[in-house]
């Protein structure tokens, strides 16, 4: 059971969550930052939809085509997973669990030029998948549905059985609005000769496949991909910035796909609206903005700015650095690549004082509104205590 931060001892002497003799004063000092956090979620403004792009064949994965598993930070396996296809990681180096994991075909590429090229091509393919105009929007749980070829978007998940009806040339692209959760035992059935070569899942955050799932398609996740035990995937696990985690799973990368029908698509850039985690003075901060497009866009700050010590990499869209000043920093990013109109999105980076990071377990992971109420409660408690002391005097 979750423990509320509003416990009876929250402000009682040395048991205060902001431990110290001047806890009320410290809370008052943090109140402006807590207020900034509470308000930040209302400040995300994304530009209107970007120019429509269509596709007349499978998404071109380039050099990522041969990979069954491709991670950015790590590839980790537990148990006797079986991989048919290349295994790679870039730019980090960690590939663990092989053996006992078994690679039946393909090559291991640990931070070599092949893995780096595959990550570049994955970024392009991720942008292509995100740029396509949906044929159906607002989808949620796909269980129990039978879908013809097309582009489907929404808060996607799967519990139960999804049927994809088409031919060997049919293409399905699924655009998840956030994470992708596949429930244990869920299954995708391919009907009419439909091919695993032509099923693509674009995930702006992370994907999780529950135990025993029988899944089809190439998962392109902006962050990480995690599989519970005994998942059978006919497709690929491609993670742009995070790790791929396996537990006694079977991954079979599609082969015999007709590269002659693969589309090469140029697309206008996209910027997904996401919330930035708070940073702290003196602590290294990094966050990958989900900017995509083909060719890869250039991302620049056109309004506002980042705190001193933090910069935006215009080529990759990575925000990184060590903040030097607390405060709230709204900024607007414009992404352009010469294909159609540029797109913009506004974000907010809240930088906390250093004391917040070194105090006694300050619960910055709780909702920002709760932090604001906590700070205000401390302020009123301090005023009440001073009033009591004056009365006694």
Protein backbone atom coordinates (compact mmCIF):
# COMPACT_ATOMS: atom_id res chain seq x y z
CA UNK A 1 0.00 0.00 0.00
CA UNK A 2 1.33 3.42 -0.93
CA UNK A 3 2.35 5.65 1.99
CA UNK A 4 0.88 9.14 1.96
CA UNK A 5 3.28 12.03 2.35
CA UNK A 6 0.64 13.70 4.54
CA UNK A 7 1.34 11.45 7.55
CA UNK A 8 0.62 12.60 11.08
CA UNK A 9 4.34 13.05 11.70
CA UNK A 10 5.09 14.93 8.50
CA UNK A 11 5.83 18.16 10.31
CA UNK A 12 6.65 16.84 13.81
CA UNK A 13 10.11 17.98 14.90
CA UNK A 14 12.95 15.72 13.85
CA UNK A 15 10.63 13.32 11.99
CA UNK A 16 9.94 15.92 9.31
CA UNK A 17 10.59 14.65 5.79
CA UNK A 18 12.74 17.76 5.36
CA UNK A 19 14.77 16.72 8.47
CA UNK A 20 16.57 19.54 10.27
CA UNK A 21 16.07 22.26 12.85
CA UNK A 22 14.77 24.72 10.30
CA UNK A 23 12.42 22.37 8.38
CA UNK A 24 9.63 24.95 8.12
CA UNK A 25 12.03 27.51 6.72
CA UNK A 26 13.40 25.01 4.22
CA UNK A 27 9.89 24.13 3.11
CA UNK A 28 9.12 27.80 2.56
CA UNK A 29 12.29 28.12 0.47
CA UNK A 30 11.15 25.18 -1.70
CA UNK A 31 7.59 26.42 -2.13
CA UNK A 32 8.30 28.43 -5.33
CA UNK A 33 9.90 25.39 -6.98
CA UNK A 34 7.04 23.13 -5.90
CA UNK A 35 4.64 25.66 -7.39
CA UNK A 36 6.61 25.60 -10.63
CA UNK A 37 6.37 21.82 -10.74
CA UNK A 38 2.65 21.90 -10.10
CA UNK A 39 2.07 24.37 -12.90
CA UNK A 40 4.49 22.89 -15.41
CA UNK A 41 2.14 20.20 -16.67
CA UNK A 42 -0.20 22.91 -17.92
CA UNK A 43 2.51 24.59 -19.99
CA UNK A 44 3.11 21.96 -22.68
CA UNK A 45 2.01 23.43 -25.99
CA UNK A 46 2.59 21.43 -29.17
CA UNK A 47 2.18 22.80 -32.63
CA UNK A 48 -0.73 21.63 -34.80
CA UNK A 49 -0.35 18.37 -36.69
CA UNK A 50 2.45 18.20 -39.20
CA UNK A 51 2.02 17.62 -42.91
CA UNK A 52 0.50 14.29 -43.88
CA UNK A 53 2.73 11.63 -45.35
CA UNK A 54 1.63 8.35 -46.90
CA UNK A 55 3.54 5.13 -47.48
CA UNK A 56 3.21 2.56 -50.26
CA UNK A 57 5.22 -0.26 -48.74
CA UNK A 58 6.93 -1.48 -45.57
CA UNK A 59 8.89 1.02 -43.50
CA UNK A 60 12.53 0.97 -44.51
CA UNK A 61 14.61 -0.13 -41.50
CA UNK A 62 17.88 0.12 -43.40
CA UNK A 63 20.74 -1.63 -41.63
CA UNK A 64 18.47 -2.34 -38.63
CA UNK A 65 16.58 -4.90 -40.74
CA UNK A 66 18.80 -7.84 -39.75
CA UNK A 67 18.54 -7.23 -36.00
CA UNK A 68 16.32 -9.30 -33.76
CA UNK A 69 17.40 -7.23 -30.76
CA UNK A 70 18.97 -3.75 -30.79
CA UNK A 71 19.45 -1.66 -27.66
CA UNK A 72 21.02 1.68 -26.86
CA UNK A 73 22.10 1.39 -23.21
CA UNK A 74 22.13 -2.40 -22.79
CA UNK A 75 20.81 -5.79 -23.87
CA UNK A 76 20.17 -8.04 -20.88
CA UNK A 77 19.00 -11.66 -20.92
CA UNK A 78 18.03 -14.04 -18.14
CA UNK A 79 17.55 -17.75 -18.88
CA UNK A 80 17.52 -19.67 -22.14
CA UNK A 81 16.19 -17.07 -24.58
CA UNK A 82 16.57 -17.94 -28.27
CA UNK A 83 17.36 -15.18 -30.79
CA UNK A 84 17.25 -15.60 -34.56
CA UNK A 85 18.83 -12.43 -35.92
CA UNK A 86 21.57 -9.98 -35.07
CA UNK A 87 22.01 -8.73 -31.50
CA UNK A 88 23.47 -5.27 -31.00
CA UNK A 89 23.92 -2.30 -28.70
CA UNK A 90 25.08 1.27 -29.36
CA UNK A 91 26.33 3.65 -28.06
CA UNK A 92 26.81 1.73 -24.77
CA UNK A 93 28.55 -1.64 -24.59
CA UNK A 94 26.64 -4.01 -22.30
CA UNK A 95 25.31 -7.27 -23.77
CA UNK A 96 24.83 -9.87 -21.03
CA UNK A 97 23.17 -13.28 -20.66
CA UNK A 98 24.51 -14.99 -23.82
CA UNK A 99 24.96 -17.75 -22.74
CA UNK A 100 22.69 -19.06 -21.32
CA UNK A 101 20.79 -17.24 -24.09
CA UNK A 102 21.28 -18.80 -27.52
CA UNK A 103 21.68 -16.96 -30.83
CA UNK A 104 20.71 -19.39 -33.61
CA UNK A 105 21.59 -17.01 -36.46
CA UNK A 106 23.10 -13.58 -36.95
CA UNK A 107 26.03 -11.69 -35.44
CA UNK A 108 26.61 -9.89 -32.13
CA UNK A 109 27.44 -6.21 -32.67
CA UNK A 110 28.62 -4.57 -29.45
CA UNK A 111 29.23 -0.85 -30.03
CA UNK A 112 30.64 -1.34 -33.50
CA UNK A 113 29.99 0.56 -36.72
CA UNK A 114 27.18 -1.80 -37.72
CA UNK A 115 25.25 -1.21 -34.48
CA UNK A 116 25.80 2.56 -34.73
CA UNK A 117 24.49 2.59 -38.30
CA UNK A 118 21.50 0.48 -37.28
CA UNK A 119 20.65 3.00 -34.54
CA UNK A 120 20.81 5.84 -37.09
CA UNK A 121 18.50 3.97 -39.45
CA UNK A 122 16.17 3.14 -36.56
CA UNK A 123 15.85 6.85 -35.78
CA UNK A 124 14.88 7.51 -39.40
CA UNK A 125 12.36 4.66 -39.45
CA UNK A 126 10.90 5.82 -36.13
CA UNK A 127 10.33 9.23 -37.68
CA UNK A 128 8.72 7.75 -40.79
CA UNK A 129 6.32 5.68 -38.68
CA UNK A 130 5.33 8.71 -36.63
CA UNK A 131 4.75 10.93 -39.65
CA UNK A 132 2.09 8.79 -41.31
CA UNK A 133 -1.49 10.01 -41.30
CA UNK A 134 -3.64 7.57 -39.28
CA UNK A 135 -6.50 5.81 -41.02
CA UNK A 136 -8.05 5.24 -37.59
CA UNK A 137 -7.47 7.19 -34.36
CA UNK A 138 -8.45 6.97 -30.72
CA UNK A 139 -7.86 3.24 -30.37
CA UNK A 140 -7.11 1.68 -26.99
CA UNK A 141 -7.23 -2.06 -26.22
CA UNK A 142 -6.88 -3.92 -29.52
CA UNK A 143 -8.06 -7.23 -28.11
CA UNK A 144 -10.98 -8.85 -29.95
CA UNK A 145 -10.50 -6.73 -33.08
CA UNK A 146 -9.77 -7.72 -36.68
CA UNK A 147 -7.89 -4.98 -38.53
CA UNK A 148 -7.27 -4.50 -42.24
CA UNK A 149 -4.04 -2.86 -43.44
CA UNK A 150 -3.64 0.76 -42.33
CA UNK A 151 -2.17 3.19 -39.83
CA UNK A 152 -3.71 3.02 -36.35
CA UNK A 153 -3.08 5.42 -33.47
CA UNK A 154 -4.15 5.86 -29.86
CA UNK A 155 -3.37 4.81 -26.30
CA UNK A 156 -2.62 1.32 -27.56
CA UNK A 157 -2.57 -1.89 -25.55
CA UNK A 158 -3.49 -5.52 -26.13
CA UNK A 159 -5.37 -7.91 -23.89
CA UNK A 160 -6.64 -10.98 -25.73
CA UNK A 161 -6.40 -11.71 -29.44
CA UNK A 162 -5.80 -9.24 -32.30
CA UNK A 163 -6.28 -10.46 -35.89
CA UNK A 164 -4.53 -8.77 -38.82
CA UNK A 165 -6.23 -9.63 -42.13
CA UNK A 166 -4.41 -8.97 -45.40
CA UNK A 167 -1.98 -10.29 -47.97
CA UNK A 168 1.79 -10.68 -48.06
CA UNK A 169 2.03 -7.09 -49.34
CA UNK A 170 -0.24 -5.56 -46.67
CA UNK A 171 1.27 -3.10 -44.18
CA UNK A 172 0.16 -2.19 -40.67
CA UNK A 173 1.65 0.69 -38.67
CA UNK A 174 0.59 1.21 -35.04
CA UNK A 175 1.34 4.60 -33.47
CA UNK A 176 1.12 4.38 -29.67
CA UNK A 177 0.49 7.71 -27.97
CA UNK A 178 2.72 6.75 -25.03
CA UNK A 179 3.77 3.35 -23.70
CA UNK A 180 2.72 -0.01 -25.14
CA UNK A 181 1.51 -2.72 -22.74
CA UNK A 182 0.84 -6.26 -23.99
CA UNK A 183 -0.94 -8.37 -21.38
CA UNK A 184 0.20 -11.87 -20.48
CA UNK A 185 -1.07 -14.53 -22.87
CA UNK A 186 -2.17 -12.04 -25.53
CA UNK A 187 -1.82 -13.06 -29.15
CA UNK A 188 -1.68 -11.65 -32.68
CA UNK A 189 -3.10 -13.83 -35.45
CA UNK A 190 -1.96 -13.18 -39.04
CA UNK A 191 -4.66 -14.01 -41.60
CA UNK A 192 -4.79 -14.27 -45.42
CA UNK A 193 -1.04 -14.53 -45.94
CA UNK A 194 -0.19 -11.37 -43.92
CA UNK A 195 3.53 -11.15 -43.12
CA UNK A 196 5.43 -10.25 -39.97
CA UNK A 197 7.74 -8.29 -42.31
CA UNK A 198 5.10 -5.59 -42.60
CA UNK A 199 3.87 -4.94 -39.04
CA UNK A 200 5.39 -1.97 -37.19
CA UNK A 201 4.81 -0.59 -33.69
CA UNK A 202 6.03 2.95 -32.90
CA UNK A 203 6.24 3.62 -29.14
CA UNK A 204 7.22 7.12 -27.83
CA UNK A 205 8.24 5.74 -24.41
CA UNK A 206 8.66 2.07 -23.43
CA UNK A 207 7.07 -1.25 -24.39
CA UNK A 208 6.31 -4.17 -22.05
CA UNK A 209 5.22 -7.63 -23.19
CA UNK A 210 3.66 -9.89 -20.56
CA UNK A 211 4.56 -13.52 -20.00
CA UNK A 212 3.44 -16.01 -22.63
CA UNK A 213 2.45 -13.35 -25.17
CA UNK A 214 2.53 -14.42 -28.84
CA UNK A 215 3.34 -11.14 -30.60
CA UNK A 216 4.08 -10.06 -34.17
CA UNK A 217 5.84 -7.02 -35.57
CA UNK A 218 8.82 -4.71 -35.24
CA UNK A 219 8.71 -2.67 -32.03
CA UNK A 220 10.49 0.68 -32.36
CA UNK A 221 10.58 2.19 -28.86
CA UNK A 222 11.98 5.60 -28.07
CA UNK A 223 13.08 4.29 -24.65
CA UNK A 224 13.21 0.68 -23.44
CA UNK A 225 11.62 -2.70 -24.23
CA UNK A 226 10.99 -5.36 -21.56
CA UNK A 227 9.75 -8.91 -22.07
CA UNK A 228 8.48 -11.13 -19.28
CA UNK A 229 9.08 -14.87 -19.50
CA UNK A 230 8.25 -17.12 -22.48
CA UNK A 231 7.23 -14.41 -24.94
CA UNK A 232 7.23 -15.56 -28.58
CA UNK A 233 7.94 -12.58 -30.84
CA UNK A 234 7.98 -12.82 -34.62
CA UNK A 235 9.58 -9.46 -35.31
CA UNK A 236 12.24 -7.18 -33.88
CA UNK A 237 12.95 -5.37 -30.63
CA UNK A 238 14.58 -2.01 -31.43
CA UNK A 239 15.18 0.48 -28.60
CA UNK A 240 16.41 3.97 -29.50
CA UNK A 241 17.67 5.27 -26.14
CA UNK A 242 17.14 2.53 -23.55
CA UNK A 243 17.68 -1.14 -22.86
CA UNK A 244 16.15 -4.40 -24.10
CA UNK A 245 15.46 -6.94 -21.35
CA UNK A 246 14.64 -10.62 -22.01
CA UNK A 247 13.62 -13.56 -19.79
CA UNK A 248 13.43 -17.01 -21.42
CA UNK A 249 11.96 -15.55 -24.61
CA UNK A 250 12.01 -16.42 -28.31
CA UNK A 251 12.75 -13.69 -30.86
CA UNK A 252 12.61 -14.46 -34.58
CA UNK A 253 13.56 -11.60 -36.88
CA UNK A 254 11.60 -11.70 -40.16
CA UNK A 255 13.51 -13.02 -43.17
CA UNK A 256 12.70 -13.16 -46.85
CA UNK A 257 11.10 -9.72 -46.76
CA UNK A 258 10.86 -8.20 -50.23
CA UNK A 259 13.26 -5.27 -50.07
CA UNK A 260 12.15 -4.21 -53.55
CA UNK A 261 8.81 -3.09 -52.13
CA UNK A 262 10.31 -1.21 -49.21
CA UNK A 263 9.34 2.44 -49.26
CA UNK A 264 11.75 5.31 -48.92
CA UNK A 265 9.77 8.16 -47.45
CA UNK A 266 10.76 11.72 -46.68
CA UNK A 267 8.72 13.17 -43.85
CA UNK A 268 8.22 16.40 -42.03
CA UNK A 269 9.58 16.37 -38.49
CA UNK A 270 7.57 15.44 -35.42
CA UNK A 271 7.87 16.45 -31.77
CA UNK A 272 6.00 14.33 -29.24
CA UNK A 273 4.68 16.21 -26.21
CA UNK A 274 6.34 14.80 -23.10
CA UNK A 275 6.96 16.01 -19.56
CA UNK A 276 10.55 16.65 -18.51
CA UNK A 277 11.61 15.27 -15.12
CA UNK A 278 12.90 17.86 -12.62
CA UNK A 279 16.62 18.55 -12.39
CA UNK A 280 18.73 19.52 -9.37
CA UNK A 281 21.57 22.02 -8.98
CA UNK A 282 24.93 20.27 -9.20
CA UNK A 283 23.50 16.98 -10.48
CA UNK A 284 24.02 15.76 -14.05
CA UNK A 285 20.77 15.90 -16.06
CA UNK A 286 19.94 14.37 -19.46
CA UNK A 287 16.73 13.87 -21.42
CA UNK A 288 16.12 12.84 -25.02
CA UNK A 289 13.46 14.93 -26.73
CA UNK A 290 11.38 12.65 -29.01
CA UNK A 291 12.14 14.51 -32.23
CA UNK A 292 11.93 12.50 -35.44
CA UNK A 293 11.64 12.82 -39.18
CA UNK A 294 13.31 11.81 -42.43
CA UNK A 295 15.91 13.11 -42.97
CA UNK A 296 16.71 13.63 -39.29
CA UNK A 297 15.63 17.14 -38.21
CA UNK A 298 17.66 19.86 -36.59
CA UNK A 299 16.24 20.93 -33.23
CA UNK A 300 16.84 24.47 -31.97
CA UNK A 301 15.51 26.55 -29.10
CA UNK A 302 13.57 29.45 -30.60
CA UNK A 303 12.00 30.91 -27.44
CA UNK A 304 12.98 30.87 -23.79
CA UNK A 305 16.06 29.00 -22.74
CA UNK A 306 17.67 26.32 -20.61
CA UNK A 307 19.42 27.00 -17.28
CA UNK A 308 23.13 27.77 -17.23
CA UNK A 309 25.09 24.55 -17.53
CA UNK A 310 22.48 22.72 -19.64
CA UNK A 311 22.42 22.63 -23.45
CA UNK A 312 20.37 21.15 -26.30
CA UNK A 313 22.23 19.09 -28.89
CA UNK A 314 20.71 20.37 -32.13
CA UNK A 315 21.59 17.18 -34.03
CA UNK A 316 20.24 14.55 -31.64
CA UNK A 317 17.66 16.48 -29.59
CA UNK A 318 19.39 15.46 -26.34
CA UNK A 319 19.18 17.91 -23.42
CA UNK A 320 22.16 17.44 -21.10
CA UNK A 321 24.32 19.21 -18.56
CA UNK A 322 24.65 20.14 -14.89
CA UNK A 323 22.29 22.97 -13.86
CA UNK A 324 23.85 25.89 -12.02
CA UNK A 325 20.72 27.79 -10.97
CA UNK A 326 17.33 26.82 -9.55
CA UNK A 327 14.12 28.00 -11.15
CA UNK A 328 11.57 27.28 -13.84
CA UNK A 329 12.74 27.38 -17.45
CA UNK A 330 10.10 27.25 -20.20
CA UNK A 331 11.52 26.90 -23.69
CA UNK A 332 10.25 26.29 -27.21
CA UNK A 333 11.98 23.86 -29.57
CA UNK A 334 11.61 24.10 -33.35
CA UNK A 335 12.45 21.05 -35.47
CA UNK A 336 13.05 21.35 -39.22
CA UNK A 337 14.56 19.21 -41.95
CA UNK A 338 13.61 20.99 -45.17
CA UNK A 339 10.62 18.70 -45.81
CA UNK A 340 7.37 20.57 -45.33
CA UNK A 341 6.81 23.02 -42.47
CA UNK A 342 8.82 23.02 -39.26
CA UNK A 343 7.10 21.99 -36.02
CA UNK A 344 7.41 23.40 -32.52
CA UNK A 345 6.70 22.26 -28.98
CA UNK A 346 7.07 24.05 -25.66
CA UNK A 347 8.47 22.31 -22.59
CA UNK A 348 9.35 23.29 -19.03
CA UNK A 349 12.45 22.28 -17.07
CA UNK A 350 12.19 22.81 -13.31
CA UNK A 351 15.52 22.93 -11.45
CA UNK A 352 15.39 22.20 -7.73
CA UNK A 353 17.77 23.66 -5.14
CA UNK A 354 20.72 21.49 -4.21
CA UNK A 355 19.36 21.04 -0.68
CA UNK A 356 16.35 19.20 -2.11
CA UNK A 357 18.65 16.58 -3.56
CA UNK A 358 20.69 16.13 -0.36
CA UNK A 359 17.91 16.24 2.22
CA UNK A 360 16.24 13.24 3.79
CA UNK A 361 14.40 11.40 1.02
CA UNK A 362 12.38 14.30 -0.38
CA UNK A 363 9.63 12.57 -2.39
CA UNK A 364 9.97 14.39 -5.68
CA UNK A 365 8.34 11.49 -7.48
CA UNK A 366 4.93 12.25 -5.97
CA UNK A 367 2.51 14.46 -7.91
CA UNK A 368 3.61 18.07 -8.10
CA UNK A 369 0.31 19.30 -6.74
CA UNK A 370 0.89 17.29 -3.56
CA UNK A 371 4.33 18.87 -3.18
CA UNK A 372 2.79 22.29 -3.48
CA UNK A 373 0.26 21.51 -0.75
CA UNK A 374 3.04 20.14 1.43
CA UNK A 375 5.09 23.30 1.00
CA UNK A 376 2.15 25.54 1.77
CA UNK A 377 1.30 23.41 4.81
CA UNK A 378 4.81 23.91 6.13
CA UNK A 379 4.51 27.64 5.64
CA UNK A 380 1.26 27.81 7.61
CA UNK A 381 2.70 25.51 10.29
CA UNK A 382 5.65 27.83 10.72
CA UNK A 383 3.40 30.86 11.10
CA UNK A 384 1.25 29.01 13.63
CA UNK A 385 4.31 28.00 15.67
CA UNK A 386 5.63 31.57 15.79
CA UNK A 387 2.19 32.81 16.85
CA UNK A 388 2.07 30.26 19.67
CA UNK A 389 5.49 31.31 20.91
CA UNK A 390 4.52 34.97 20.92
CA UNK A 391 1.33 34.14 22.83
CA UNK A 392 3.28 32.22 25.49
CA UNK A 393 5.76 35.06 25.78
